[in-house]
Amino acid sequence: MILLALMLVFAMIYLEEPAQHLADLRDNSEESKTKLVYTTERYALFWISFLMVLLLLVSTSSIDAIFSWRYQKQLRESVAALKTFGLNSKNSADTNNEEHNPPFMGKQFPNEN
């Protein structure tokens, strides 16, 4: 995204003035009915490269989103399987109230009863 921002800054600084000059020449040629031949290869190459970088950014973020979704789905299935077998707590035979309290809760905030 930083590269795209730098490319847009480059376009505003270095391509704006020549583009305006070409637009002025075109306007003057229409008024004088003369045929003006000019090339826009520099602008076309710039914007094609800009759009290619944008496509690369969008495709990379899409691939990342797909793999993140797949990992999240696999993680949920693994947690569900652990819950099914009763392996989600440290010690499934331990029935005291530790699983509802974070570790060291009594040491951090002692019970004042």
PDB file of N, CA and C in Angstrom:
ATOM      1  N   MET A   1       0.830  -1.187   0.000  1.00  0.00           N
ATOM      2  CA  MET A   1       0.000   0.000   0.000  1.00  0.00           C
ATOM      3  C   MET A   1       0.872   1.248   0.000  1.00  0.00           C
ATOM      4  N   ILE A   2       2.019   1.137   0.666  1.00  0.00           N
ATOM      5  CA  ILE A   2       2.937   2.273   0.666  1.00  0.00           C
ATOM      6  C   ILE A   2       3.462   2.504  -0.747  1.00  0.00           C
ATOM      7  N   LEU A   3       3.724   1.409  -1.473  1.00  0.00           N
ATOM      8  CA  LEU A   3       4.191   1.542  -2.843  1.00  0.00           C
ATOM      9  C   LEU A   3       3.139   2.226  -3.714  1.00  0.00           C
ATOM     10  N   LEU A   4       1.872   1.868  -3.518  1.00  0.00           N
ATOM     11  CA  LEU A   4       0.806   2.520  -4.283  1.00  0.00           C
ATOM     12  C   LEU A   4       0.717   4.006  -3.947  1.00  0.00           C
ATOM     13  N   ALA A   5       0.855   4.328  -2.683  1.00  0.00           N
ATOM     14  CA  ALA A   5       0.814   5.734  -2.279  1.00  0.00           C
ATOM     15  C   ALA A   5       1.985   6.499  -2.886  1.00  0.00           C
ATOM     16  N   LEU A   6       3.162   5.902  -2.886  1.00  0.00           N
ATOM     17  CA  LEU A   6       4.321   6.567  -3.497  1.00  0.00           C
ATOM     18  C   LEU A   6       4.135   6.737  -5.004  1.00  0.00           C
ATOM     19  N   MET A   7       3.518   5.740  -5.630  1.00  0.00           N
ATOM     20  CA  MET A   7       3.271   5.858  -7.068  1.00  0.00           C
ATOM     21  C   MET A   7       2.276   6.982  -7.363  1.00  0.00           C
ATOM     22  N   LEU A   8       1.263   7.132  -6.515  1.00  0.00           N
ATOM     23  CA  LEU A   8       0.312   8.227  -6.719  1.00  0.00           C
ATOM     24  C   LEU A   8       0.964   9.591  -6.493  1.00  0.00           C
ATOM     25  N   VAL A   9       1.845   9.675  -5.503  1.00  0.00           N
ATOM     26  CA  VAL A   9       2.567  10.928  -5.279  1.00  0.00           C
ATOM     27  C   VAL A   9       3.447  11.233  -6.484  1.00  0.00           C
ATOM     28  N   PHE A  10       4.112  10.219  -7.009  1.00  0.00           N
ATOM     29  CA  PHE A  10       4.931  10.398  -8.210  1.00  0.00           C
ATOM     30  C   PHE A  10       4.080  10.900  -9.370  1.00  0.00           C
ATOM     31  N   ALA A  11       2.891  10.323  -9.528  1.00  0.00           N
ATOM     32  CA  ALA A  11       2.009  10.739 -10.618  1.00  0.00           C
ATOM     33  C   ALA A  11       1.587  12.189 -10.458  1.00  0.00           C
ATOM     34  N   MET A  12       1.286  12.587  -9.248  1.00  0.00           N
ATOM     35  CA  MET A  12       0.857  13.974  -9.030  1.00  0.00           C
ATOM     36  C   MET A  12       2.003  14.964  -9.251  1.00  0.00           C
ATOM     37  N   ILE A  13       3.207  14.590  -8.856  1.00  0.00           N
ATOM     38  CA  ILE A  13       4.327  15.528  -8.950  1.00  0.00           C
ATOM     39  C   ILE A  13       4.923  15.565 -10.358  1.00  0.00           C
ATOM     40  N   TYR A  14       5.211  14.391 -10.930  1.00  0.00           N
ATOM     41  CA  TYR A  14       5.973  14.361 -12.172  1.00  0.00           C
ATOM     42  C   TYR A  14       5.135  14.182 -13.427  1.00  0.00           C
ATOM     43  N   LEU A  15       3.945  13.669 -13.326  1.00  0.00           N
ATOM     44  CA  LEU A  15       3.137  13.424 -14.517  1.00  0.00           C
ATOM     45  C   LEU A  15       2.027  14.451 -14.715  1.00  0.00           C
ATOM     46  N   GLU A  16       1.738  15.233 -13.718  1.00  0.00           N
ATOM     47  CA  GLU A  16       0.643  16.193 -13.825  1.00  0.00           C
ATOM     48  C   GLU A  16       0.962  17.321 -14.810  1.00  0.00           C
ATOM     49  N   GLU A  17       2.136  17.894 -14.696  1.00  0.00           N
ATOM     50  CA  GLU A  17       2.486  19.026 -15.563  1.00  0.00           C
ATOM     51  C   GLU A  17       2.588  18.624 -17.033  1.00  0.00           C
ATOM     52  N   PRO A  18       3.274  17.520 -17.390  1.00  0.00           N
ATOM     53  CA  PRO A  18       3.282  17.126 -18.805  1.00  0.00           C
ATOM     54  C   PRO A  18       1.890  16.772 -19.335  1.00  0.00           C
ATOM     55  N   ALA A  19       1.055  16.184 -18.495  1.00  0.00           N
ATOM     56  CA  ALA A  19      -0.302  15.857 -18.930  1.00  0.00           C
ATOM     57  C   ALA A  19      -1.102  17.132 -19.186  1.00  0.00           C
ATOM     58  N   GLN A  20      -0.937  18.123 -18.325  1.00  0.00           N
ATOM     59  CA  GLN A  20      -1.629  19.394 -18.535  1.00  0.00           C
ATOM     60  C   GLN A  20      -1.124  20.076 -19.802  1.00  0.00           C
ATOM     61  N   HIS A  21       0.173  19.983 -20.048  1.00  0.00           N
ATOM     62  CA  HIS A  21       0.745  20.579 -21.261  1.00  0.00           C
ATOM     63  C   HIS A  21       0.163  19.908 -22.502  1.00  0.00           C
ATOM     64  N   LEU A  22       0.044  18.588 -22.481  1.00  0.00           N
ATOM     65  CA  LEU A  22      -0.555  17.883 -23.618  1.00  0.00           C
ATOM     66  C   LEU A  22      -2.025  18.257 -23.792  1.00  0.00           C
ATOM     67  N   ALA A  23      -2.732  18.425 -22.703  1.00  0.00           N
ATOM     68  CA  ALA A  23      -4.147  18.824 -22.795  1.00  0.00           C
ATOM     69  C   ALA A  23      -4.265  20.221 -23.387  1.00  0.00           C
ATOM     70  N   ASP A  24      -3.371  21.128 -22.984  1.00  0.00           N
ATOM     71  CA  ASP A  24      -3.395  22.484 -23.555  1.00  0.00           C
ATOM     72  C   ASP A  24      -3.072  22.458 -25.035  1.00  0.00           C
ATOM     73  N   LEU A  25      -2.089  21.653 -25.442  1.00  0.00           N
ATOM     74  CA  LEU A  25      -1.755  21.535 -26.865  1.00  0.00           C
ATOM     75  C   LEU A  25      -2.920  20.970 -27.655  1.00  0.00           C
ATOM     76  N   ARG A  26      -3.607  20.002 -27.093  1.00  0.00           N
ATOM     77  CA  ARG A  26      -4.756  19.424 -27.779  1.00  0.00           C
ATOM     78  C   ARG A  26      -5.868  20.456 -27.936  1.00  0.00           C
ATOM     79  N   ASP A  27      -6.113  21.240 -26.878  1.00  0.00           N
ATOM     80  CA  ASP A  27      -7.140  22.279 -26.965  1.00  0.00           C
ATOM     81  C   ASP A  27      -6.780  23.305 -28.024  1.00  0.00           C
ATOM     82  N   ASN A  28      -5.514  23.708 -28.086  1.00  0.00           N
ATOM     83  CA  ASN A  28      -5.083  24.682 -29.084  1.00  0.00           C
ATOM     84  C   ASN A  28      -5.152  24.115 -30.490  1.00  0.00           C
ATOM     85  N   SER A  29      -4.881  22.836 -30.647  1.00  0.00           N
ATOM     86  CA  SER A  29      -4.937  22.236 -31.981  1.00  0.00           C
ATOM     87  C   SER A  29      -6.373  22.108 -32.456  1.00  0.00           C
ATOM     88  N   GLU A  30      -7.321  21.895 -31.532  1.00  0.00           N
ATOM     89  CA  GLU A  30      -8.731  21.829 -31.930  1.00  0.00           C
ATOM     90  C   GLU A  30      -9.226  23.194 -32.371  1.00  0.00           C
ATOM     91  N   GLU A  31      -8.735  24.240 -31.730  1.00  0.00           N
ATOM     92  CA  GLU A  31      -9.140  25.588 -32.115  1.00  0.00           C
ATOM     93  C   GLU A  31      -8.544  25.985 -33.466  1.00  0.00           C
ATOM     94  N   SER A  32      -7.323  25.579 -33.744  1.00  0.00           N
ATOM     95  CA  SER A  32      -6.678  25.971 -35.003  1.00  0.00           C
ATOM     96  C   SER A  32      -6.887  24.937 -36.101  1.00  0.00           C
ATOM     97  N   LYS A  33      -7.634  23.886 -35.827  1.00  0.00           N
ATOM     98  CA  LYS A  33      -7.978  22.833 -36.792  1.00  0.00           C
ATOM     99  C   LYS A  33      -6.736  22.146 -37.373  1.00  0.00           C
ATOM    100  N   THR A  34      -5.691  22.045 -36.565  1.00  0.00           N
ATOM    101  CA  THR A  34      -4.503  21.322 -37.011  1.00  0.00           C
ATOM    102  C   THR A  34      -4.467  19.960 -36.329  1.00  0.00           C
ATOM    103  N   LYS A  35      -3.820  19.034 -36.979  1.00  0.00           N
ATOM    104  CA  LYS A  35      -3.721  17.682 -36.443  1.00  0.00           C
ATOM    105  C   LYS A  35      -2.486  17.610 -35.553  1.00  0.00           C
ATOM    106  N   LEU A  36      -2.686  17.247 -34.285  1.00  0.00           N
ATOM    107  CA  LEU A  36      -1.588  17.141 -33.330  1.00  0.00           C
ATOM    108  C   LEU A  36      -1.366  15.669 -33.003  1.00  0.00           C
ATOM    109  N   VAL A  37      -0.153  15.230 -33.183  1.00  0.00           N
ATOM    110  CA  VAL A  37       0.194  13.847 -32.883  1.00  0.00           C
ATOM    111  C   VAL A  37       1.060  13.855 -31.629  1.00  0.00           C
ATOM    112  N   TYR A  38       0.610  13.150 -30.620  1.00  0.00           N
ATOM    113  CA  TYR A  38       1.383  13.043 -29.389  1.00  0.00           C
ATOM    114  C   TYR A  38       1.217  11.629 -28.837  1.00  0.00           C
ATOM    115  N   THR A  39       2.188  11.234 -28.067  1.00  0.00           N
ATOM    116  CA  THR A  39       2.167   9.871 -27.519  1.00  0.00           C
ATOM    117  C   THR A  39       1.910   9.926 -26.024  1.00  0.00           C
ATOM    118  N   THR A  40       1.274   8.914 -25.569  1.00  0.00           N
ATOM    119  CA  THR A  40       0.974   8.821 -24.140  1.00  0.00           C
ATOM    120  C   THR A  40       1.550   7.534 -23.558  1.00  0.00           C
ATOM    121  N   GLU A  41       2.644   7.045 -24.140  1.00  0.00           N
ATOM    122  CA  GLU A  41       3.211   5.786 -23.670  1.00  0.00           C
ATOM    123  C   GLU A  41       3.683   5.870 -22.221  1.00  0.00           C
ATOM    124  N   ARG A  42       4.259   6.999 -21.851  1.00  0.00           N
ATOM    125  CA  ARG A  42       4.763   7.135 -20.489  1.00  0.00           C
ATOM    126  C   ARG A  42       3.617   7.028 -19.481  1.00  0.00           C
ATOM    127  N   TYR A  43       2.511   7.662 -19.773  1.00  0.00           N
ATOM    128  CA  TYR A  43       1.361   7.625 -18.865  1.00  0.00           C
ATOM    129  C   TYR A  43       0.724   6.249 -18.854  1.00  0.00           C
ATOM    130  N   ALA A  44       0.629   5.653 -20.026  1.00  0.00           N
ATOM    131  CA  ALA A  44       0.027   4.316 -20.108  1.00  0.00           C
ATOM    132  C   ALA A  44       0.868   3.302 -19.343  1.00  0.00           C
ATOM    133  N   LEU A  45       2.171   3.347 -19.495  1.00  0.00           N
ATOM    134  CA  LEU A  45       3.036   2.419 -18.769  1.00  0.00           C
ATOM    135  C   LEU A  45       2.940   2.632 -17.262  1.00  0.00           C
ATOM    136  N   PHE A  46       2.879   3.892 -16.863  1.00  0.00           N
ATOM    137  CA  PHE A  46       2.762   4.171 -15.431  1.00  0.00           C
ATOM    138  C   PHE A  46       1.470   3.591 -14.874  1.00  0.00           C
ATOM    139  N   TRP A  47       0.345   3.864 -15.516  1.00  0.00           N
ATOM    140  CA  TRP A  47      -0.930   3.411 -14.971  1.00  0.00           C
ATOM    141  C   TRP A  47      -1.101   1.905 -15.092  1.00  0.00           C
ATOM    142  N   ILE A  48      -0.519   1.299 -16.117  1.00  0.00           N
ATOM    143  CA  ILE A  48      -0.548  -0.165 -16.211  1.00  0.00           C
ATOM    144  C   ILE A  48       0.245  -0.775 -15.059  1.00  0.00           C
ATOM    145  N   SER A  49       1.417  -0.213 -14.782  1.00  0.00           N
ATOM    146  CA  SER A  49       2.202  -0.735 -13.660  1.00  0.00           C
ATOM    147  C   SER A  49       1.489  -0.486 -12.327  1.00  0.00           C
ATOM    148  N   PHE A  50       0.831   0.656 -12.198  1.00  0.00           N
ATOM    149  CA  PHE A  50       0.069   0.950 -10.981  1.00  0.00           C
ATOM    150  C   PHE A  50      -1.035  -0.084 -10.783  1.00  0.00           C
ATOM    151  N   LEU A  51      -1.766  -0.381 -11.836  1.00  0.00           N
ATOM    152  CA  LEU A  51      -2.860  -1.348 -11.731  1.00  0.00           C
ATOM    153  C   LEU A  51      -2.344  -2.761 -11.494  1.00  0.00           C
ATOM    154  N   MET A  52      -1.166  -3.082 -12.022  1.00  0.00           N
ATOM    155  CA  MET A  52      -0.585  -4.403 -11.760  1.00  0.00           C
ATOM    156  C   MET A  52      -0.179  -4.543 -10.291  1.00  0.00           C
ATOM    157  N   VAL A  53       0.387  -3.493  -9.713  1.00  0.00           N
ATOM    158  CA  VAL A  53       0.733  -3.519  -8.288  1.00  0.00           C
ATOM    159  C   VAL A  53      -0.537  -3.620  -7.448  1.00  0.00           C
ATOM    160  N   LEU A  54      -1.576  -2.911  -7.837  1.00  0.00           N
ATOM    161  CA  LEU A  54      -2.852  -3.000  -7.128  1.00  0.00           C
ATOM    162  C   LEU A  54      -3.435  -4.412  -7.214  1.00  0.00           C
ATOM    163  N   LEU A  55      -3.371  -5.022  -8.391  1.00  0.00           N
ATOM    164  CA  LEU A  55      -3.849  -6.396  -8.554  1.00  0.00           C
ATOM    165  C   LEU A  55      -3.046  -7.350  -7.689  1.00  0.00           C
ATOM    166  N   LEU A  56      -1.742  -7.166  -7.634  1.00  0.00           N
ATOM    167  CA  LEU A  56      -0.894  -8.005  -6.788  1.00  0.00           C
ATOM    168  C   LEU A  56      -1.269  -7.853  -5.320  1.00  0.00           C
ATOM    169  N   LEU A  57      -1.524  -6.624  -4.887  1.00  0.00           N
ATOM    170  CA  LEU A  57      -1.914  -6.382  -3.494  1.00  0.00           C
ATOM    171  C   LEU A  57      -3.255  -7.024  -3.169  1.00  0.00           C
ATOM    172  N   VAL A  58      -4.225  -6.875  -4.044  1.00  0.00           N
ATOM    173  CA  VAL A  58      -5.556  -7.445  -3.802  1.00  0.00           C
ATOM    174  C   VAL A  58      -5.498  -8.968  -3.825  1.00  0.00           C
ATOM    175  N   SER A  59      -4.761  -9.544  -4.760  1.00  0.00           N
ATOM    176  CA  SER A  59      -4.686 -11.006  -4.818  1.00  0.00           C
ATOM    177  C   SER A  59      -3.949 -11.569  -3.609  1.00  0.00           C
ATOM    178  N   THR A  60      -2.892 -10.895  -3.167  1.00  0.00           N
ATOM    179  CA  THR A  60      -2.170 -11.361  -1.980  1.00  0.00           C
ATOM    180  C   THR A  60      -3.053 -11.304  -0.741  1.00  0.00           C
ATOM    181  N   SER A  61      -3.798 -10.225  -0.586  1.00  0.00           N
ATOM    182  CA  SER A  61      -4.678 -10.125   0.584  1.00  0.00           C
ATOM    183  C   SER A  61      -5.825 -11.140   0.496  1.00  0.00           C
ATOM    184  N   SER A  62      -6.300 -11.433  -0.702  1.00  0.00           N
ATOM    185  CA  SER A  62      -7.352 -12.443  -0.854  1.00  0.00           C
ATOM    186  C   SER A  62      -6.843 -13.831  -0.490  1.00  0.00           C
ATOM    187  N   ILE A  63      -5.640 -14.155  -0.945  1.00  0.00           N
ATOM    188  CA  ILE A  63      -5.057 -15.455  -0.608  1.00  0.00           C
ATOM    189  C   ILE A  63      -4.842 -15.559   0.899  1.00  0.00           C
ATOM    190  N   ASP A  64      -4.376 -14.477   1.512  1.00  0.00           N
ATOM    191  CA  ASP A  64      -4.188 -14.467   2.959  1.00  0.00           C
ATOM    192  C   ASP A  64      -5.517 -14.670   3.683  1.00  0.00           C
ATOM    193  N   ALA A  65      -6.563 -14.029   3.217  1.00  0.00           N
ATOM    194  CA  ALA A  65      -7.878 -14.181   3.847  1.00  0.00           C
ATOM    195  C   ALA A  65      -8.389 -15.613   3.715  1.00  0.00           C
ATOM    196  N   ILE A  66      -8.179 -16.227   2.557  1.00  0.00           N
ATOM    197  CA  ILE A  66      -8.634 -17.609   2.350  1.00  0.00           C
ATOM    198  C   ILE A  66      -7.903 -18.559   3.284  1.00  0.00           C
ATOM    199  N   PHE A  67      -6.576 -18.425   3.367  1.00  0.00           N
ATOM    200  CA  PHE A  67      -5.820 -19.321   4.237  1.00  0.00           C
ATOM    201  C   PHE A  67      -6.119 -19.064   5.710  1.00  0.00           C
ATOM    202  N   SER A  68      -6.368 -17.831   6.081  1.00  0.00           N
ATOM    203  CA  SER A  68      -6.749 -17.535   7.466  1.00  0.00           C
ATOM    204  C   SER A  68      -8.089 -18.171   7.802  1.00  0.00           C
ATOM    205  N   TRP A  69      -9.030 -18.100   6.877  1.00  0.00           N
ATOM    206  CA  TRP A  69     -10.341 -18.707   7.082  1.00  0.00           C
ATOM    207  C   TRP A  69     -10.217 -20.217   7.222  1.00  0.00           C
ATOM    208  N   ARG A  70      -9.381 -20.840   6.374  1.00  0.00           N
ATOM    209  CA  ARG A  70      -9.198 -22.290   6.451  1.00  0.00           C
ATOM    210  C   ARG A  70      -8.546 -22.691   7.772  1.00  0.00           C
ATOM    211  N   TYR A  71      -7.553 -21.916   8.223  1.00  0.00           N
ATOM    212  CA  TYR A  71      -6.895 -22.219   9.488  1.00  0.00           C
ATOM    213  C   TYR A  71      -7.871 -22.071  10.651  1.00  0.00           C
ATOM    214  N   GLN A  72      -8.683 -21.021  10.609  1.00  0.00           N
ATOM    215  CA  GLN A  72      -9.659 -20.792  11.674  1.00  0.00           C
ATOM    216  C   GLN A  72     -10.683 -21.932  11.720  1.00  0.00           C
ATOM    217  N   LYS A  73     -11.106 -22.399  10.559  1.00  0.00           N
ATOM    218  CA  LYS A  73     -12.052 -23.508  10.497  1.00  0.00           C
ATOM    219  C   LYS A  73     -11.427 -24.780  11.061  1.00  0.00           C
ATOM    220  N   GLN A  74     -10.180 -25.050  10.694  1.00  0.00           N
ATOM    221  CA  GLN A  74      -9.489 -26.224  11.213  1.00  0.00           C
ATOM    222  C   GLN A  74      -9.287 -26.117  12.718  1.00  0.00           C
ATOM    223  N   LEU A  75      -8.975 -24.946  13.211  1.00  0.00           N
ATOM    224  CA  LEU A  75      -8.787 -24.743  14.649  1.00  0.00           C
ATOM    225  C   LEU A  75     -10.087 -24.988  15.408  1.00  0.00           C
ATOM    226  N   ARG A  76     -11.201 -24.475  14.874  1.00  0.00           N
ATOM    227  CA  ARG A  76     -12.492 -24.715  15.517  1.00  0.00           C
ATOM    228  C   ARG A  76     -12.830 -26.198  15.568  1.00  0.00           C
ATOM    229  N   GLU A  77     -12.548 -26.922  14.473  1.00  0.00           N
ATOM    230  CA  GLU A  77     -12.818 -28.353  14.456  1.00  0.00           C
ATOM    231  C   GLU A  77     -11.940 -29.084  15.466  1.00  0.00           C
ATOM    232  N   SER A  78     -10.691 -28.677  15.620  1.00  0.00           N
ATOM    233  CA  SER A  78      -9.788 -29.305  16.585  1.00  0.00           C
ATOM    234  C   SER A  78     -10.258 -29.064  18.012  1.00  0.00           C
ATOM    235  N   VAL A  79     -10.693 -27.853  18.308  1.00  0.00           N
ATOM    236  CA  VAL A  79     -11.196 -27.539  19.648  1.00  0.00           C
ATOM    237  C   VAL A  79     -12.472 -28.325  19.925  1.00  0.00           C
ATOM    238  N   ALA A  80     -13.330 -28.447  18.924  1.00  0.00           N
ATOM    239  CA  ALA A  80     -14.559 -29.222  19.110  1.00  0.00           C
ATOM    240  C   ALA A  80     -14.235 -30.691  19.358  1.00  0.00           C
ATOM    241  N   ALA A  81     -13.238 -31.221  18.665  1.00  0.00           N
ATOM    242  CA  ALA A  81     -12.852 -32.616  18.880  1.00  0.00           C
ATOM    243  C   ALA A  81     -12.276 -32.793  20.278  1.00  0.00           C
ATOM    244  N   LEU A  82     -11.481 -31.859  20.749  1.00  0.00           N
ATOM    245  CA  LEU A  82     -10.931 -31.944  22.097  1.00  0.00           C
ATOM    246  C   LEU A  82     -12.034 -31.890  23.151  1.00  0.00           C
ATOM    247  N   LYS A  83     -13.028 -31.034  22.919  1.00  0.00           N
ATOM    248  CA  LYS A  83     -14.141 -30.955  23.863  1.00  0.00           C
ATOM    249  C   LYS A  83     -14.936 -32.252  23.879  1.00  0.00           C
ATOM    250  N   THR A  84     -15.064 -32.878  22.722  1.00  0.00           N
ATOM    251  CA  THR A  84     -15.800 -34.137  22.635  1.00  0.00           C
ATOM    252  C   THR A  84     -15.119 -35.219  23.464  1.00  0.00           C
ATOM    253  N   PHE A  85     -13.812 -35.267  23.424  1.00  0.00           N
ATOM    254  CA  PHE A  85     -13.069 -36.275  24.177  1.00  0.00           C
ATOM    255  C   PHE A  85     -12.747 -35.836  25.588  1.00  0.00           C
ATOM    256  N   GLY A  86     -13.103 -34.631  25.962  1.00  0.00           N
ATOM    257  CA  GLY A  86     -12.871 -34.143  27.307  1.00  0.00           C
ATOM    258  C   GLY A  86     -11.416 -33.808  27.575  1.00  0.00           C
ATOM    259  N   LEU A  87     -10.689 -33.417  26.568  1.00  0.00           N
ATOM    260  CA  LEU A  87      -9.268 -33.133  26.711  1.00  0.00           C
ATOM    261  C   LEU A  87      -8.957 -31.644  26.676  1.00  0.00           C
ATOM    262  N   ASN A  88      -9.960 -30.806  26.803  1.00  0.00           N
ATOM    263  CA  ASN A  88      -9.714 -29.377  26.665  1.00  0.00           C
ATOM    264  C   ASN A  88      -9.154 -28.733  27.922  1.00  0.00           C
ATOM    265  N   SER A  89      -9.283 -29.345  29.091  1.00  0.00           N
ATOM    266  CA  SER A  89      -8.705 -28.767  30.298  1.00  0.00           C
ATOM    267  C   SER A  89      -7.370 -29.449  30.580  1.00  0.00           C
ATOM    268  N   LYS A  90      -6.602 -28.894  31.509  1.00  0.00           N
ATOM    269  CA  LYS A  90      -5.289 -29.456  31.833  1.00  0.00           C
ATOM    270  C   LYS A  90      -5.416 -30.857  32.398  1.00  0.00           C
ATOM    271  N   ASN A  91      -6.332 -31.029  33.319  1.00  0.00           N
ATOM    272  CA  ASN A  91      -6.519 -32.324  33.964  1.00  0.00           C
ATOM    273  C   ASN A  91      -8.020 -32.571  34.042  1.00  0.00           C
ATOM    274  N   SER A  92      -8.520 -33.488  33.223  1.00  0.00           N
ATOM    275  CA  SER A  92      -9.964 -33.684  33.171  1.00  0.00           C
ATOM    276  C   SER A  92     -10.512 -34.320  34.438  1.00  0.00           C
ATOM    277  N   ALA A  93      -9.673 -34.990  35.242  1.00  0.00           N
ATOM    278  CA  ALA A  93     -10.135 -35.601  36.486  1.00  0.00           C
ATOM    279  C   ALA A  93     -10.276 -34.566  37.593  1.00  0.00           C
ATOM    280  N   ASP A  94      -9.644 -33.429  37.439  1.00  0.00           N
ATOM    281  CA  ASP A  94      -9.691 -32.374  38.453  1.00  0.00           C
ATOM    282  C   ASP A  94     -11.040 -31.666  38.344  1.00  0.00           C
ATOM    283  N   THR A  95     -11.837 -31.739  39.393  1.00  0.00           N
ATOM    284  CA  THR A  95     -13.182 -31.164  39.342  1.00  0.00           C
ATOM    285  C   THR A  95     -13.316 -29.903  40.164  1.00  0.00           C
ATOM    286  N   ASN A  96     -12.213 -29.358  40.654  1.00  0.00           N
ATOM    287  CA  ASN A  96     -12.369 -28.129  41.430  1.00  0.00           C
ATOM    288  C   ASN A  96     -12.638 -26.955  40.487  1.00  0.00           C
ATOM    289  N   ASN A  97     -12.714 -25.800  41.025  1.00  0.00           N
ATOM    290  CA  ASN A  97     -13.175 -24.627  40.292  1.00  0.00           C
ATOM    291  C   ASN A  97     -12.048 -23.914  39.532  1.00  0.00           C
ATOM    292  N   GLU A  98     -10.913 -24.564  39.309  1.00  0.00           N
ATOM    293  CA  GLU A  98      -9.783 -23.919  38.633  1.00  0.00           C
ATOM    294  C   GLU A  98     -10.074 -23.578  37.183  1.00  0.00           C
ATOM    295  N   GLU A  99     -10.878 -24.397  36.531  1.00  0.00           N
ATOM    296  CA  GLU A  99     -11.107 -24.166  35.108  1.00  0.00           C
ATOM    297  C   GLU A  99     -11.900 -22.886  34.839  1.00  0.00           C
ATOM    298  N   HIS A 100     -12.585 -22.364  35.839  1.00  0.00           N
ATOM    299  CA  HIS A 100     -13.346 -21.130  35.654  1.00  0.00           C
ATOM    300  C   HIS A 100     -12.546 -19.893  36.028  1.00  0.00           C
ATOM    301  N   ASN A 101     -11.403 -20.070  36.676  1.00  0.00           N
ATOM    302  CA  ASN A 101     -10.567 -18.941  37.089  1.00  0.00           C
ATOM    303  C   ASN A 101      -9.245 -18.975  36.329  1.00  0.00           C
ATOM    304  N   PRO A 102      -8.750 -17.850  35.942  1.00  0.00           N
ATOM    305  CA  PRO A 102      -7.438 -17.834  35.303  1.00  0.00           C
ATOM    306  C   PRO A 102      -6.354 -18.247  36.290  1.00  0.00           C
ATOM    307  N   PRO A 103      -5.194 -18.710  35.797  1.00  0.00           N
ATOM    308  CA  PRO A 103      -4.120 -19.114  36.707  1.00  0.00           C
ATOM    309  C   PRO A 103      -3.655 -17.941  37.557  1.00  0.00           C
ATOM    310  N   PHE A 104      -3.269 -18.222  38.772  1.00  0.00           N
ATOM    311  CA  PHE A 104      -2.739 -17.244  39.715  1.00  0.00           C
ATOM    312  C   PHE A 104      -3.742 -16.158  40.095  1.00  0.00           C
ATOM    313  N   MET A 105      -5.014 -16.390  39.900  1.00  0.00           N
ATOM    314  CA  MET A 105      -6.006 -15.371  40.223  1.00  0.00           C
ATOM    315  C   MET A 105      -6.007 -15.086  41.720  1.00  0.00           C
ATOM    316  N   GLY A 106      -5.875 -16.128  42.538  1.00  0.00           N
ATOM    317  CA  GLY A 106      -5.875 -15.926  43.973  1.00  0.00           C
ATOM    318  C   GLY A 106      -4.651 -15.180  44.459  1.00  0.00           C
ATOM    319  N   LYS A 107      -3.541 -15.335  43.782  1.00  0.00           N
ATOM    320  CA  LYS A 107      -2.327 -14.649  44.184  1.00  0.00           C
ATOM    321  C   LYS A 107      -2.349 -13.178  43.769  1.00  0.00           C
ATOM    322  N   GLN A 108      -2.945 -12.895  42.636  1.00  0.00           N
ATOM    323  CA  GLN A 108      -3.002 -11.507  42.171  1.00  0.00           C
ATOM    324  C   GLN A 108      -4.044 -10.704  42.940  1.00  0.00           C
ATOM    325  N   PHE A 109      -5.211 -11.312  43.124  1.00  0.00           N
ATOM    326  CA  PHE A 109      -6.312 -10.652  43.815  1.00  0.00           C
ATOM    327  C   PHE A 109      -6.794 -11.560  44.935  1.00  0.00           C
ATOM    328  N   PRO A 110      -6.185 -11.492  46.097  1.00  0.00           N
ATOM    329  CA  PRO A 110      -6.564 -12.416  47.174  1.00  0.00           C
ATOM    330  C   PRO A 110      -8.005 -12.184  47.610  1.00  0.00           C
ATOM    331  N   ASN A 111      -8.645 -13.263  47.973  1.00  0.00           N
ATOM    332  CA  ASN A 111     -10.032 -13.214  48.431  1.00  0.00           C
ATOM    333  C   ASN A 111     -10.050 -12.614  49.828  1.00  0.00           C
ATOM    334  N   GLU A 112     -10.837 -11.589  50.046  1.00  0.00           N
ATOM    335  CA  GLU A 112     -10.847 -10.882  51.321  1.00  0.00           C
ATOM    336  C   GLU A 112     -11.930 -11.380  52.255  1.00  0.00           C
ATOM    337  N   ASN A 113     -12.534 -12.514  51.969  1.00  0.00           N
ATOM    338  CA  ASN A 113     -13.579 -13.057  52.853  1.00  0.00           C
ATOM    339  C   ASN A 113     -13.045 -13.563  54.130  1.00  0.00           C
TER     340      ASN A 113
END
